[in-house]
């Protein structure tokens, strides 16, 4: 017998399934229910630990292994697959492998956009990481658009505090510097520095990476300007 399920009913079912998974995860973390981590979850946790220790090559390998395990699952959750594609792409960006990261992020974005009710938190991260990939590839207009969309989603929909927007703001500072829009670049640079300090502390490793990028871009601009006048 055929049973018609309306789009709104199916959307509610998906929301309930996601809420149930979230609640179960919280109960596991709190120790209220027994919940051994799967191989996939252990790989993701290990990758995050390596990344926090700045061992980006190991983090990338572990994220890749987790991604392959997820792809091979018979009942893969597309939202979770998109999340892990974004995780792996973030590690690829840190290694300068932006073209590979872009391909995975575009796949993640396609998976999310075909959901009845795309989760805003997942879109937020994919937009930010895709902005970074495009920035590294020199596609500055597109990169700025994705960074801006991520910021808007983070502030207007998710209500994130400003210190979680430093990644995107620093990216926009780099873009404006590359475009020769020095005053705007300086404003975004100072705001990014403040946000990074709030989140990671004074002169954190993460800020030092972003600051060096920005200063290198400005130095290259100065050299190019001098050469043009000679």
N, C-alpha and C. Protein backbone atom coordinates (compact mmCIF):
# COMPACT_ATOMS: atom_id res chain seq x y z
N UNK A 1 0.85 -1.20 0.00
CA UNK A 1 0.00 0.00 0.00
C UNK A 1 0.88 1.24 0.00
N UNK A 2 0.58 2.19 -0.86
CA UNK A 2 1.35 3.43 -0.95
C UNK A 2 0.84 4.42 0.09
N UNK A 3 1.76 4.97 0.85
CA UNK A 3 1.40 5.98 1.86
C UNK A 3 2.09 7.28 1.49
N UNK A 4 1.31 8.31 1.28
CA UNK A 4 1.87 9.62 0.92
C UNK A 4 2.40 10.30 2.18
N UNK A 5 3.63 10.79 2.09
CA UNK A 5 4.23 11.55 3.19
C UNK A 5 4.52 12.95 2.68
N UNK A 6 3.89 13.93 3.27
CA UNK A 6 4.06 15.31 2.81
C UNK A 6 5.48 15.79 3.08
N UNK A 7 5.96 16.76 2.29
CA UNK A 7 7.30 17.31 2.53
C UNK A 7 7.47 17.86 3.94
N UNK A 8 6.42 18.49 4.48
CA UNK A 8 6.53 19.05 5.83
C UNK A 8 6.66 17.94 6.87
N UNK A 9 5.94 16.82 6.66
CA UNK A 9 6.05 15.70 7.60
C UNK A 9 7.43 15.07 7.53
N UNK A 10 7.96 14.93 6.32
CA UNK A 10 9.30 14.36 6.17
C UNK A 10 10.34 15.27 6.80
N UNK A 11 10.16 16.58 6.65
CA UNK A 11 11.08 17.53 7.27
C UNK A 11 11.07 17.38 8.78
N UNK A 12 9.87 17.22 9.35
CA UNK A 12 9.76 17.05 10.80
C UNK A 12 10.44 15.76 11.25
N UNK A 13 10.30 14.70 10.44
CA UNK A 13 10.96 13.44 10.78
C UNK A 13 12.47 13.60 10.82
N UNK A 14 13.01 14.29 9.81
CA UNK A 14 14.46 14.50 9.77
C UNK A 14 14.92 15.33 10.95
N UNK A 15 14.14 16.36 11.30
CA UNK A 15 14.50 17.19 12.44
C UNK A 15 14.49 16.38 13.73
N UNK A 16 13.50 15.49 13.87
CA UNK A 16 13.41 14.66 15.07
C UNK A 16 14.59 13.68 15.14
N UNK A 17 14.96 13.11 13.98
CA UNK A 17 16.10 12.19 13.96
C UNK A 17 17.39 12.91 14.36
N UNK A 18 17.58 14.13 13.82
CA UNK A 18 18.77 14.90 14.16
C UNK A 18 18.77 15.27 15.64
N UNK A 19 17.59 15.65 16.16
CA UNK A 19 17.50 16.00 17.58
C UNK A 19 17.79 14.80 18.46
N UNK A 20 17.31 13.62 18.03
CA UNK A 20 17.56 12.40 18.81
C UNK A 20 19.05 12.07 18.85
N UNK A 21 19.72 12.21 17.68
CA UNK A 21 21.16 11.94 17.66
C UNK A 21 21.91 12.91 18.55
N UNK A 22 21.49 14.18 18.52
CA UNK A 22 22.14 15.20 19.34
C UNK A 22 21.96 14.89 20.83
N UNK A 23 20.73 14.51 21.22
CA UNK A 23 20.46 14.19 22.63
C UNK A 23 21.28 12.99 23.08
N UNK A 24 21.36 11.97 22.21
CA UNK A 24 22.13 10.78 22.56
C UNK A 24 23.60 11.12 22.76
N UNK A 25 24.13 11.98 21.88
CA UNK A 25 25.53 12.39 22.02
C UNK A 25 25.76 13.11 23.34
N UNK A 26 24.82 13.97 23.72
CA UNK A 26 24.95 14.71 24.97
C UNK A 26 24.89 13.77 26.17
N UNK A 27 24.02 12.77 26.10
CA UNK A 27 23.92 11.79 27.19
C UNK A 27 25.20 10.97 27.30
N UNK A 28 25.79 10.65 26.14
CA UNK A 28 27.05 9.90 26.15
C UNK A 28 28.15 10.71 26.80
N UNK A 29 28.23 11.99 26.40
CA UNK A 29 29.27 12.86 26.94
C UNK A 29 29.11 13.00 28.45
N UNK A 30 27.86 13.11 28.90
CA UNK A 30 27.60 13.28 30.33
C UNK A 30 27.78 11.98 31.11
N UNK A 31 27.92 10.86 30.40
CA UNK A 31 28.09 9.59 31.08
C UNK A 31 26.79 8.99 31.59
N UNK A 32 25.66 9.53 31.13
CA UNK A 32 24.37 9.03 31.60
C UNK A 32 24.03 7.71 30.95
N UNK A 33 24.45 7.55 29.69
CA UNK A 33 24.24 6.27 29.02
C UNK A 33 25.59 5.79 28.51
N UNK A 34 25.74 4.48 28.42
CA UNK A 34 26.96 3.92 27.87
C UNK A 34 26.97 4.08 26.36
N UNK A 35 28.10 4.52 25.83
CA UNK A 35 28.11 4.80 24.41
C UNK A 35 29.54 4.78 23.90
N UNK A 36 30.00 3.63 23.50
CA UNK A 36 31.37 3.52 23.00
C UNK A 36 31.48 4.23 21.66
N UNK A 37 32.52 5.02 21.50
CA UNK A 37 32.71 5.75 20.24
C UNK A 37 32.97 4.77 19.11
N UNK A 38 32.39 5.06 17.96
CA UNK A 38 32.64 4.23 16.79
C UNK A 38 34.04 4.52 16.27
N UNK A 39 34.49 3.66 15.33
CA UNK A 39 35.79 3.91 14.72
C UNK A 39 35.84 5.25 14.04
N UNK A 40 34.74 5.61 13.37
CA UNK A 40 34.67 6.91 12.72
C UNK A 40 34.82 8.05 13.72
N UNK A 41 34.08 7.98 14.82
CA UNK A 41 34.14 9.05 15.82
C UNK A 41 35.52 9.16 16.44
N UNK A 42 36.16 8.03 16.67
CA UNK A 42 37.52 8.06 17.24
C UNK A 42 38.50 8.72 16.28
N UNK A 43 38.34 8.45 14.99
CA UNK A 43 39.22 9.07 14.00
C UNK A 43 39.03 10.58 13.97
N UNK A 44 37.78 11.03 14.02
CA UNK A 44 37.49 12.47 14.00
C UNK A 44 38.07 13.14 15.25
N UNK A 45 37.89 12.50 16.40
CA UNK A 45 38.43 13.06 17.64
C UNK A 45 39.96 13.13 17.59
N UNK A 46 40.58 12.06 17.09
CA UNK A 46 42.04 12.05 16.99
C UNK A 46 42.54 13.12 16.03
N UNK A 47 41.82 13.31 14.92
CA UNK A 47 42.21 14.34 13.95
C UNK A 47 42.14 15.73 14.58
N UNK A 48 41.08 15.97 15.35
CA UNK A 48 40.94 17.27 16.01
C UNK A 48 42.07 17.51 17.00
N UNK A 49 42.45 16.46 17.72
CA UNK A 49 43.56 16.59 18.68
C UNK A 49 44.87 16.91 17.96
N UNK A 50 45.12 16.23 16.84
CA UNK A 50 46.35 16.51 16.08
C UNK A 50 46.34 17.94 15.54
N UNK A 51 45.18 18.38 15.08
CA UNK A 51 45.10 19.74 14.52
C UNK A 51 45.33 20.78 15.61
N UNK A 52 44.82 20.52 16.80
CA UNK A 52 45.03 21.45 17.92
C UNK A 52 46.49 21.48 18.36
N UNK A 53 47.24 20.42 18.01
CA UNK A 53 48.68 20.39 18.31
C UNK A 53 49.50 20.88 17.11
N UNK A 54 48.82 21.37 16.09
CA UNK A 54 49.45 21.92 14.88
C UNK A 54 50.14 20.85 14.03
N UNK A 55 49.75 19.60 14.21
CA UNK A 55 50.26 18.50 13.38
C UNK A 55 49.26 18.31 12.24
N UNK A 56 49.34 19.18 11.25
CA UNK A 56 48.31 19.23 10.22
C UNK A 56 48.35 18.04 9.26
N UNK A 57 49.52 17.50 9.01
CA UNK A 57 49.60 16.35 8.12
C UNK A 57 48.92 15.13 8.74
N UNK A 58 49.16 14.89 10.02
CA UNK A 58 48.49 13.77 10.69
C UNK A 58 46.98 14.01 10.77
N UNK A 59 46.59 15.25 11.04
CA UNK A 59 45.17 15.58 11.11
C UNK A 59 44.49 15.32 9.78
N UNK A 60 45.15 15.70 8.70
CA UNK A 60 44.56 15.48 7.37
C UNK A 60 44.39 13.99 7.09
N UNK A 61 45.41 13.19 7.42
CA UNK A 61 45.31 11.74 7.17
C UNK A 61 44.17 11.11 7.97
N UNK A 62 44.04 11.51 9.23
CA UNK A 62 42.98 10.95 10.07
C UNK A 62 41.60 11.39 9.59
N UNK A 63 41.48 12.65 9.20
CA UNK A 63 40.20 13.12 8.66
C UNK A 63 39.86 12.38 7.36
N UNK A 64 40.88 12.11 6.55
CA UNK A 64 40.65 11.37 5.30
C UNK A 64 40.17 9.95 5.60
N UNK A 65 40.80 9.30 6.58
CA UNK A 65 40.38 7.94 6.95
C UNK A 65 38.94 7.94 7.46
N UNK A 66 38.60 8.94 8.28
CA UNK A 66 37.23 9.04 8.78
C UNK A 66 36.25 9.26 7.64
N UNK A 67 36.64 10.07 6.68
CA UNK A 67 35.77 10.35 5.54
C UNK A 67 35.53 9.08 4.72
N UNK A 68 36.58 8.29 4.50
CA UNK A 68 36.42 7.05 3.74
C UNK A 68 35.52 6.06 4.48
N UNK A 69 35.67 6.00 5.80
CA UNK A 69 34.82 5.10 6.59
C UNK A 69 33.36 5.52 6.50
N UNK A 70 33.13 6.82 6.52
CA UNK A 70 31.76 7.33 6.43
C UNK A 70 31.17 7.05 5.05
N UNK A 71 31.97 7.23 4.01
CA UNK A 71 31.48 6.98 2.65
C UNK A 71 31.08 5.53 2.44
N UNK A 72 31.76 4.62 3.13
CA UNK A 72 31.50 3.20 2.95
C UNK A 72 30.31 2.70 3.76
N UNK A 73 29.78 3.54 4.64
CA UNK A 73 28.65 3.14 5.46
C UNK A 73 27.41 2.95 4.59
N UNK A 74 26.61 1.95 4.91
CA UNK A 74 25.43 1.64 4.10
C UNK A 74 24.31 2.65 4.33
N UNK A 75 24.27 3.24 5.50
CA UNK A 75 23.18 4.18 5.83
C UNK A 75 23.76 5.55 6.18
N UNK A 76 24.64 6.05 5.32
CA UNK A 76 25.33 7.30 5.61
C UNK A 76 24.35 8.47 5.74
N UNK A 77 24.56 9.28 6.76
CA UNK A 77 23.79 10.50 6.97
C UNK A 77 24.44 11.59 6.12
N UNK A 78 23.70 12.16 5.18
CA UNK A 78 24.28 13.13 4.26
C UNK A 78 24.76 14.39 4.97
N UNK A 79 24.07 14.79 6.03
CA UNK A 79 24.50 15.97 6.78
C UNK A 79 25.83 15.69 7.48
N UNK A 80 25.96 14.49 8.04
CA UNK A 80 27.22 14.12 8.69
C UNK A 80 28.34 13.99 7.66
N UNK A 81 28.02 13.46 6.49
CA UNK A 81 29.01 13.36 5.43
C UNK A 81 29.49 14.76 5.02
N UNK A 82 28.56 15.69 4.92
CA UNK A 82 28.94 17.07 4.59
C UNK A 82 29.84 17.67 5.67
N UNK A 83 29.53 17.36 6.92
CA UNK A 83 30.36 17.87 8.03
C UNK A 83 31.79 17.35 7.92
N UNK A 84 31.93 16.05 7.62
CA UNK A 84 33.27 15.48 7.56
C UNK A 84 34.02 15.92 6.30
N UNK A 85 33.30 16.14 5.22
CA UNK A 85 33.94 16.73 4.03
C UNK A 85 34.51 18.10 4.37
N UNK A 86 33.76 18.88 5.15
CA UNK A 86 34.24 20.20 5.55
C UNK A 86 35.42 20.09 6.50
N UNK A 87 35.38 19.12 7.42
CA UNK A 87 36.50 18.90 8.33
C UNK A 87 37.78 18.59 7.56
N UNK A 88 37.66 17.66 6.62
CA UNK A 88 38.84 17.26 5.84
C UNK A 88 39.33 18.42 4.98
N UNK A 89 38.40 19.16 4.40
CA UNK A 89 38.78 20.30 3.56
C UNK A 89 39.51 21.36 4.38
N UNK A 90 39.09 21.56 5.62
CA UNK A 90 39.77 22.52 6.49
C UNK A 90 41.23 22.12 6.69
N UNK A 91 41.46 20.81 6.90
CA UNK A 91 42.83 20.32 7.06
C UNK A 91 43.62 20.49 5.76
N UNK A 92 42.97 20.25 4.63
CA UNK A 92 43.63 20.44 3.34
C UNK A 92 44.02 21.91 3.13
N UNK A 93 43.14 22.81 3.52
CA UNK A 93 43.45 24.24 3.40
C UNK A 93 44.69 24.60 4.23
N UNK A 94 44.79 24.03 5.43
CA UNK A 94 45.94 24.31 6.28
C UNK A 94 47.24 23.83 5.66
N UNK A 95 47.15 22.82 4.80
CA UNK A 95 48.33 22.30 4.10
C UNK A 95 48.55 22.98 2.75
N UNK A 96 47.68 23.93 2.40
CA UNK A 96 47.82 24.62 1.13
C UNK A 96 47.27 23.86 -0.06
N UNK A 97 46.49 22.81 0.19
CA UNK A 97 45.93 21.99 -0.89
C UNK A 97 44.50 22.47 -1.18
N UNK A 98 44.42 23.72 -1.62
CA UNK A 98 43.13 24.40 -1.72
C UNK A 98 42.24 23.84 -2.82
N UNK A 99 42.82 23.38 -3.92
CA UNK A 99 42.00 22.86 -5.02
C UNK A 99 41.26 21.59 -4.58
N UNK A 100 41.96 20.71 -3.85
CA UNK A 100 41.31 19.51 -3.33
C UNK A 100 40.22 19.88 -2.32
N UNK A 101 40.54 20.85 -1.47
CA UNK A 101 39.57 21.29 -0.47
C UNK A 101 38.32 21.86 -1.14
N UNK A 102 38.52 22.63 -2.18
CA UNK A 102 37.38 23.24 -2.88
C UNK A 102 36.43 22.16 -3.41
N UNK A 103 36.98 21.12 -4.01
CA UNK A 103 36.14 20.06 -4.58
C UNK A 103 35.30 19.40 -3.49
N UNK A 104 35.90 19.15 -2.33
CA UNK A 104 35.16 18.50 -1.25
C UNK A 104 34.10 19.44 -0.66
N UNK A 105 34.43 20.71 -0.58
CA UNK A 105 33.47 21.67 -0.02
C UNK A 105 32.29 21.88 -0.96
N UNK A 106 32.54 21.86 -2.25
CA UNK A 106 31.43 21.98 -3.20
C UNK A 106 30.52 20.76 -3.12
N UNK A 107 31.11 19.59 -2.88
CA UNK A 107 30.30 18.39 -2.67
C UNK A 107 29.48 18.52 -1.39
N UNK A 108 30.12 19.02 -0.32
CA UNK A 108 29.42 19.21 0.95
C UNK A 108 28.26 20.19 0.79
N UNK A 109 28.51 21.27 0.07
CA UNK A 109 27.46 22.27 -0.13
C UNK A 109 26.28 21.70 -0.90
N UNK A 110 26.58 20.88 -1.89
CA UNK A 110 25.51 20.25 -2.66
C UNK A 110 24.67 19.32 -1.78
N UNK A 111 25.34 18.56 -0.91
CA UNK A 111 24.63 17.66 0.00
C UNK A 111 23.71 18.44 0.94
N UNK A 112 24.21 19.55 1.45
CA UNK A 112 23.41 20.33 2.40
C UNK A 112 22.25 21.03 1.72
N UNK A 113 22.50 21.58 0.55
CA UNK A 113 21.46 22.35 -0.13
C UNK A 113 20.31 21.48 -0.62
N UNK A 114 20.53 20.17 -0.74
CA UNK A 114 19.45 19.30 -1.18
C UNK A 114 18.62 18.77 0.00
N UNK A 115 18.99 19.16 1.23
CA UNK A 115 18.20 18.77 2.39
C UNK A 115 16.93 19.61 2.47
N UNK A 116 15.83 19.05 2.96
CA UNK A 116 14.59 19.83 3.10
C UNK A 116 14.76 21.07 3.97
N UNK A 117 15.58 20.94 5.01
CA UNK A 117 15.83 22.07 5.91
C UNK A 117 17.32 22.08 6.25
N UNK A 118 18.16 22.66 5.37
CA UNK A 118 19.61 22.60 5.57
C UNK A 118 20.02 23.19 6.92
N UNK A 119 20.82 22.47 7.70
CA UNK A 119 21.23 22.98 9.02
C UNK A 119 22.16 24.18 8.87
N UNK A 120 21.79 25.27 9.51
CA UNK A 120 22.54 26.52 9.36
C UNK A 120 23.96 26.41 9.89
N UNK A 121 24.16 25.63 10.96
CA UNK A 121 25.51 25.53 11.52
C UNK A 121 26.46 24.83 10.56
N UNK A 122 25.96 23.84 9.83
CA UNK A 122 26.82 23.15 8.85
C UNK A 122 27.12 24.07 7.66
N UNK A 123 26.10 24.79 7.19
CA UNK A 123 26.32 25.73 6.09
C UNK A 123 27.33 26.80 6.49
N UNK A 124 27.24 27.26 7.72
CA UNK A 124 28.15 28.29 8.21
C UNK A 124 29.61 27.87 8.04
N UNK A 125 29.93 26.65 8.45
CA UNK A 125 31.32 26.17 8.36
C UNK A 125 31.74 25.92 6.91
N UNK A 126 30.84 25.36 6.12
CA UNK A 126 31.18 25.09 4.72
C UNK A 126 31.44 26.39 3.98
N UNK A 127 30.59 27.40 4.18
CA UNK A 127 30.81 28.70 3.53
C UNK A 127 32.16 29.29 3.93
N UNK A 128 32.49 29.22 5.22
CA UNK A 128 33.75 29.80 5.69
C UNK A 128 34.95 29.07 5.08
N UNK A 129 34.90 27.74 5.08
CA UNK A 129 36.02 26.96 4.53
C UNK A 129 36.13 27.12 3.02
N UNK A 130 34.99 27.23 2.35
CA UNK A 130 35.02 27.43 0.90
C UNK A 130 35.58 28.81 0.57
N UNK A 131 35.24 29.79 1.40
CA UNK A 131 35.84 31.11 1.22
C UNK A 131 37.35 31.05 1.32
N UNK A 132 37.85 30.26 2.27
CA UNK A 132 39.30 30.13 2.44
C UNK A 132 39.93 29.44 1.23
N UNK A 133 39.32 28.37 0.74
CA UNK A 133 39.86 27.68 -0.44
C UNK A 133 39.96 28.63 -1.63
N UNK A 134 38.89 29.37 -1.86
CA UNK A 134 38.87 30.28 -3.00
C UNK A 134 39.86 31.43 -2.82
N UNK A 135 40.01 31.89 -1.58
CA UNK A 135 41.02 32.92 -1.31
C UNK A 135 42.41 32.41 -1.68
N UNK A 136 42.74 31.19 -1.24
CA UNK A 136 44.05 30.62 -1.53
C UNK A 136 44.25 30.39 -3.02
N UNK A 137 43.17 30.15 -3.74
CA UNK A 137 43.24 29.92 -5.18
C UNK A 137 43.22 31.23 -5.98
N UNK A 138 43.08 32.35 -5.28
CA UNK A 138 43.10 33.65 -5.96
C UNK A 138 41.78 34.08 -6.55
N UNK A 139 40.70 33.36 -6.25
CA UNK A 139 39.37 33.73 -6.74
C UNK A 139 38.72 34.64 -5.69
N UNK A 140 39.17 35.89 -5.68
CA UNK A 140 38.92 36.77 -4.54
C UNK A 140 37.47 37.21 -4.41
N UNK A 141 36.81 37.50 -5.52
CA UNK A 141 35.42 37.97 -5.43
C UNK A 141 34.52 36.88 -4.86
N UNK A 142 34.69 35.66 -5.37
CA UNK A 142 33.89 34.55 -4.85
C UNK A 142 34.22 34.27 -3.40
N UNK A 143 35.50 34.33 -3.07
CA UNK A 143 35.92 34.09 -1.69
C UNK A 143 35.27 35.09 -0.74
N UNK A 144 35.29 36.36 -1.12
CA UNK A 144 34.69 37.40 -0.28
C UNK A 144 33.19 37.15 -0.10
N UNK A 145 32.53 36.70 -1.16
CA UNK A 145 31.09 36.44 -1.08
C UNK A 145 30.79 35.31 -0.09
N UNK A 146 31.60 34.25 -0.12
CA UNK A 146 31.36 33.13 0.82
C UNK A 146 31.70 33.53 2.25
N UNK A 147 32.79 34.26 2.44
CA UNK A 147 33.11 34.74 3.79
C UNK A 147 31.97 35.60 4.34
N UNK A 148 31.47 36.51 3.51
CA UNK A 148 30.41 37.42 3.94
C UNK A 148 29.13 36.66 4.27
N UNK A 149 28.79 35.68 3.43
CA UNK A 149 27.59 34.87 3.68
C UNK A 149 27.73 34.10 4.99
N UNK A 150 28.92 33.57 5.25
CA UNK A 150 29.16 32.85 6.50
C UNK A 150 28.99 33.77 7.70
N UNK A 151 29.53 34.98 7.61
CA UNK A 151 29.39 35.94 8.70
C UNK A 151 27.93 36.29 8.94
N UNK A 152 27.19 36.53 7.87
CA UNK A 152 25.77 36.87 8.01
C UNK A 152 25.00 35.72 8.65
N UNK A 153 25.29 34.50 8.22
CA UNK A 153 24.61 33.34 8.78
C UNK A 153 24.96 33.17 10.26
N UNK A 154 26.23 33.38 10.57
CA UNK A 154 26.67 33.23 11.96
C UNK A 154 26.05 34.25 12.89
N UNK A 155 25.91 35.48 12.43
CA UNK A 155 25.39 36.54 13.30
C UNK A 155 23.87 36.57 13.31
N UNK A 156 23.25 36.50 12.13
CA UNK A 156 21.81 36.71 12.04
C UNK A 156 21.00 35.45 12.35
N UNK A 157 21.52 34.28 12.01
CA UNK A 157 20.77 33.04 12.21
C UNK A 157 21.23 32.27 13.44
N UNK A 158 22.54 32.13 13.60
CA UNK A 158 23.08 31.33 14.70
C UNK A 158 23.35 32.14 15.96
N UNK A 159 23.43 33.46 15.82
CA UNK A 159 23.69 34.30 16.98
C UNK A 159 25.05 34.06 17.62
N UNK A 160 26.06 33.82 16.79
CA UNK A 160 27.40 33.53 17.31
C UNK A 160 28.05 34.79 17.87
N UNK A 161 28.89 34.63 18.90
CA UNK A 161 29.63 35.79 19.41
C UNK A 161 30.69 36.23 18.41
N UNK A 162 31.11 37.48 18.47
CA UNK A 162 32.07 38.00 17.48
C UNK A 162 33.38 37.22 17.41
N UNK A 163 33.84 36.67 18.54
CA UNK A 163 35.15 36.01 18.51
C UNK A 163 35.17 34.75 17.65
N UNK A 164 33.99 34.26 17.24
CA UNK A 164 33.95 33.10 16.36
C UNK A 164 33.96 33.49 14.88
N UNK A 165 34.07 34.78 14.61
CA UNK A 165 34.05 35.26 13.23
C UNK A 165 35.43 35.72 12.76
N UNK A 166 36.44 35.56 13.61
CA UNK A 166 37.78 36.04 13.27
C UNK A 166 38.34 35.41 12.01
N UNK A 167 38.07 34.13 11.80
CA UNK A 167 38.58 33.42 10.62
C UNK A 167 38.13 34.10 9.33
N UNK A 168 36.84 34.40 9.26
CA UNK A 168 36.29 35.03 8.05
C UNK A 168 36.77 36.47 7.91
N UNK A 169 36.82 37.20 9.02
CA UNK A 169 37.25 38.60 8.97
C UNK A 169 38.71 38.70 8.53
N UNK A 170 39.55 37.79 9.03
CA UNK A 170 40.96 37.77 8.62
C UNK A 170 41.07 37.46 7.13
N UNK A 171 40.22 36.56 6.65
CA UNK A 171 40.22 36.25 5.22
C UNK A 171 39.85 37.45 4.38
N UNK A 172 38.86 38.21 4.83
CA UNK A 172 38.46 39.42 4.10
C UNK A 172 39.57 40.46 4.13
N UNK A 173 40.29 40.56 5.25
CA UNK A 173 41.43 41.49 5.32
C UNK A 173 42.47 41.14 4.26
N UNK A 174 42.76 39.85 4.11
CA UNK A 174 43.71 39.41 3.08
C UNK A 174 43.22 39.77 1.68
N UNK A 175 41.95 39.53 1.45
CA UNK A 175 41.38 39.79 0.12
C UNK A 175 41.47 41.28 -0.22
N UNK A 176 41.07 42.13 0.72
CA UNK A 176 41.11 43.57 0.45
C UNK A 176 42.55 44.04 0.26
N UNK A 177 43.49 43.44 1.00
CA UNK A 177 44.90 43.79 0.82
C UNK A 177 45.37 43.40 -0.58
N UNK A 178 44.99 42.22 -1.04
CA UNK A 178 45.39 41.78 -2.38
C UNK A 178 44.77 42.67 -3.47
N UNK A 179 43.61 43.20 -3.18
CA UNK A 179 42.93 44.06 -4.15
C UNK A 179 43.42 45.51 -4.10
N UNK A 180 44.35 45.79 -3.18
CA UNK A 180 44.87 47.14 -3.07
C UNK A 180 43.96 48.10 -2.33
N UNK A 181 42.98 47.58 -1.61
CA UNK A 181 42.04 48.42 -0.85
C UNK A 181 42.58 48.52 0.57
N UNK A 182 43.65 49.31 0.71
CA UNK A 182 44.46 49.26 1.92
C UNK A 182 43.72 49.71 3.17
N UNK A 183 42.94 50.79 3.09
CA UNK A 183 42.24 51.28 4.28
C UNK A 183 41.25 50.24 4.80
N UNK A 184 40.49 49.65 3.88
CA UNK A 184 39.53 48.62 4.28
C UNK A 184 40.25 47.39 4.83
N UNK A 185 41.37 47.03 4.20
CA UNK A 185 42.15 45.89 4.67
C UNK A 185 42.64 46.11 6.10
N UNK A 186 43.10 47.32 6.39
CA UNK A 186 43.61 47.63 7.73
C UNK A 186 42.50 47.54 8.78
N UNK A 187 41.31 48.00 8.42
CA UNK A 187 40.19 47.93 9.36
C UNK A 187 39.86 46.48 9.69
N UNK A 188 39.75 45.64 8.66
CA UNK A 188 39.42 44.24 8.88
C UNK A 188 40.55 43.51 9.60
N UNK A 189 41.78 43.89 9.32
CA UNK A 189 42.93 43.29 10.01
C UNK A 189 42.85 43.57 11.52
N UNK A 190 42.56 44.81 11.88
CA UNK A 190 42.50 45.16 13.31
C UNK A 190 41.33 44.46 14.00
N UNK A 191 40.20 44.36 13.31
CA UNK A 191 39.05 43.66 13.89
C UNK A 191 39.36 42.17 14.07
N UNK A 192 39.98 41.57 13.05
CA UNK A 192 40.34 40.15 13.14
C UNK A 192 41.30 39.91 14.30
N UNK A 193 42.26 40.79 14.47
CA UNK A 193 43.23 40.65 15.57
C UNK A 193 42.52 40.65 16.92
N UNK A 194 41.54 41.54 17.06
CA UNK A 194 40.78 41.62 18.30
C UNK A 194 39.99 40.33 18.53
N UNK A 195 39.32 39.84 17.49
CA UNK A 195 38.52 38.62 17.62
C UNK A 195 39.39 37.42 17.97
N UNK A 196 40.55 37.31 17.31
CA UNK A 196 41.46 36.20 17.61
C UNK A 196 41.96 36.29 19.05
N UNK A 197 42.24 37.48 19.52
CA UNK A 197 42.72 37.64 20.90
C UNK A 197 41.65 37.22 21.88
N UNK A 198 40.40 37.59 21.61
CA UNK A 198 39.31 37.20 22.50
C UNK A 198 39.15 35.68 22.55
N UNK A 199 39.34 35.02 21.43
CA UNK A 199 39.09 33.58 21.37
C UNK A 199 40.27 32.74 21.81
N UNK A 200 41.48 33.12 21.37
CA UNK A 200 42.65 32.26 21.60
C UNK A 200 43.68 32.85 22.56
N UNK A 201 43.51 34.11 22.94
CA UNK A 201 44.50 34.75 23.80
C UNK A 201 45.48 35.59 22.98
N UNK A 202 46.32 36.31 23.69
CA UNK A 202 47.27 37.22 23.05
C UNK A 202 48.31 36.45 22.26
N UNK A 203 48.54 36.89 21.01
CA UNK A 203 49.60 36.33 20.15
C UNK A 203 49.53 34.81 20.04
N UNK A 204 48.35 34.29 19.82
CA UNK A 204 48.19 32.84 19.66
C UNK A 204 48.85 32.36 18.37
N UNK A 205 49.09 31.07 18.32
CA UNK A 205 49.66 30.48 17.10
C UNK A 205 48.77 30.77 15.90
N UNK A 206 47.45 30.64 16.10
CA UNK A 206 46.53 30.83 14.97
C UNK A 206 46.57 32.26 14.46
N UNK A 207 46.67 33.23 15.39
CA UNK A 207 46.74 34.61 14.92
C UNK A 207 48.09 34.90 14.25
N UNK A 208 49.15 34.34 14.77
CA UNK A 208 50.46 34.57 14.16
C UNK A 208 50.48 34.11 12.71
N UNK A 209 49.82 32.99 12.41
CA UNK A 209 49.71 32.51 11.02
C UNK A 209 48.98 33.52 10.15
N UNK A 210 47.84 34.00 10.64
CA UNK A 210 47.04 34.93 9.84
C UNK A 210 47.73 36.28 9.70
N UNK A 211 48.37 36.74 10.77
CA UNK A 211 49.06 38.02 10.71
C UNK A 211 50.21 37.98 9.71
N UNK A 212 50.97 36.88 9.71
CA UNK A 212 52.08 36.75 8.76
C UNK A 212 51.57 36.80 7.32
N UNK A 213 50.46 36.13 7.06
CA UNK A 213 49.87 36.17 5.72
C UNK A 213 49.57 37.61 5.30
N UNK A 214 48.90 38.33 6.19
CA UNK A 214 48.50 39.70 5.88
C UNK A 214 49.72 40.59 5.64
N UNK A 215 50.70 40.50 6.52
CA UNK A 215 51.89 41.33 6.38
C UNK A 215 52.69 40.97 5.13
N UNK A 216 52.72 39.69 4.78
CA UNK A 216 53.41 39.27 3.55
C UNK A 216 52.72 39.85 2.32
N UNK A 217 51.40 39.88 2.34
CA UNK A 217 50.66 40.46 1.21
C UNK A 217 50.98 41.94 1.07
N UNK A 218 50.97 42.65 2.20
CA UNK A 218 51.27 44.09 2.16
C UNK A 218 52.70 44.34 1.69
N UNK A 219 53.63 43.50 2.14
CA UNK A 219 55.02 43.66 1.71
C UNK A 219 55.15 43.45 0.21
N UNK A 220 54.46 42.43 -0.30
CA UNK A 220 54.49 42.17 -1.74
C UNK A 220 53.90 43.34 -2.51
N UNK A 221 52.84 43.94 -1.97
CA UNK A 221 52.23 45.11 -2.62
C UNK A 221 53.21 46.28 -2.67
N UNK A 222 53.93 46.48 -1.57
CA UNK A 222 54.90 47.59 -1.51
C UNK A 222 56.03 47.38 -2.52
N UNK A 223 56.51 46.14 -2.62
CA UNK A 223 57.58 45.85 -3.58
C UNK A 223 57.09 46.07 -5.01
N UNK A 224 55.87 45.60 -5.28
CA UNK A 224 55.30 45.78 -6.62
C UNK A 224 55.11 47.26 -6.93
N UNK A 225 54.71 48.04 -5.92
CA UNK A 225 54.52 49.48 -6.13
C UNK A 225 55.83 50.19 -6.43
N UNK A 226 56.90 49.81 -5.72
CA UNK A 226 58.20 50.42 -5.98
C UNK A 226 58.72 50.07 -7.37
N UNK A 227 58.53 48.81 -7.75
CA UNK A 227 59.00 48.37 -9.06
C UNK A 227 58.25 49.09 -10.18
N UNK A 228 56.97 49.38 -9.93
CA UNK A 228 56.17 50.05 -10.96
C UNK A 228 56.61 51.49 -11.19
N UNK A 229 57.22 52.11 -10.16
CA UNK A 229 57.64 53.51 -10.29
C UNK A 229 59.08 53.66 -10.74
N UNK A 230 59.81 52.55 -10.80
CA UNK A 230 61.22 52.62 -11.21
C UNK A 230 61.36 52.75 -12.72
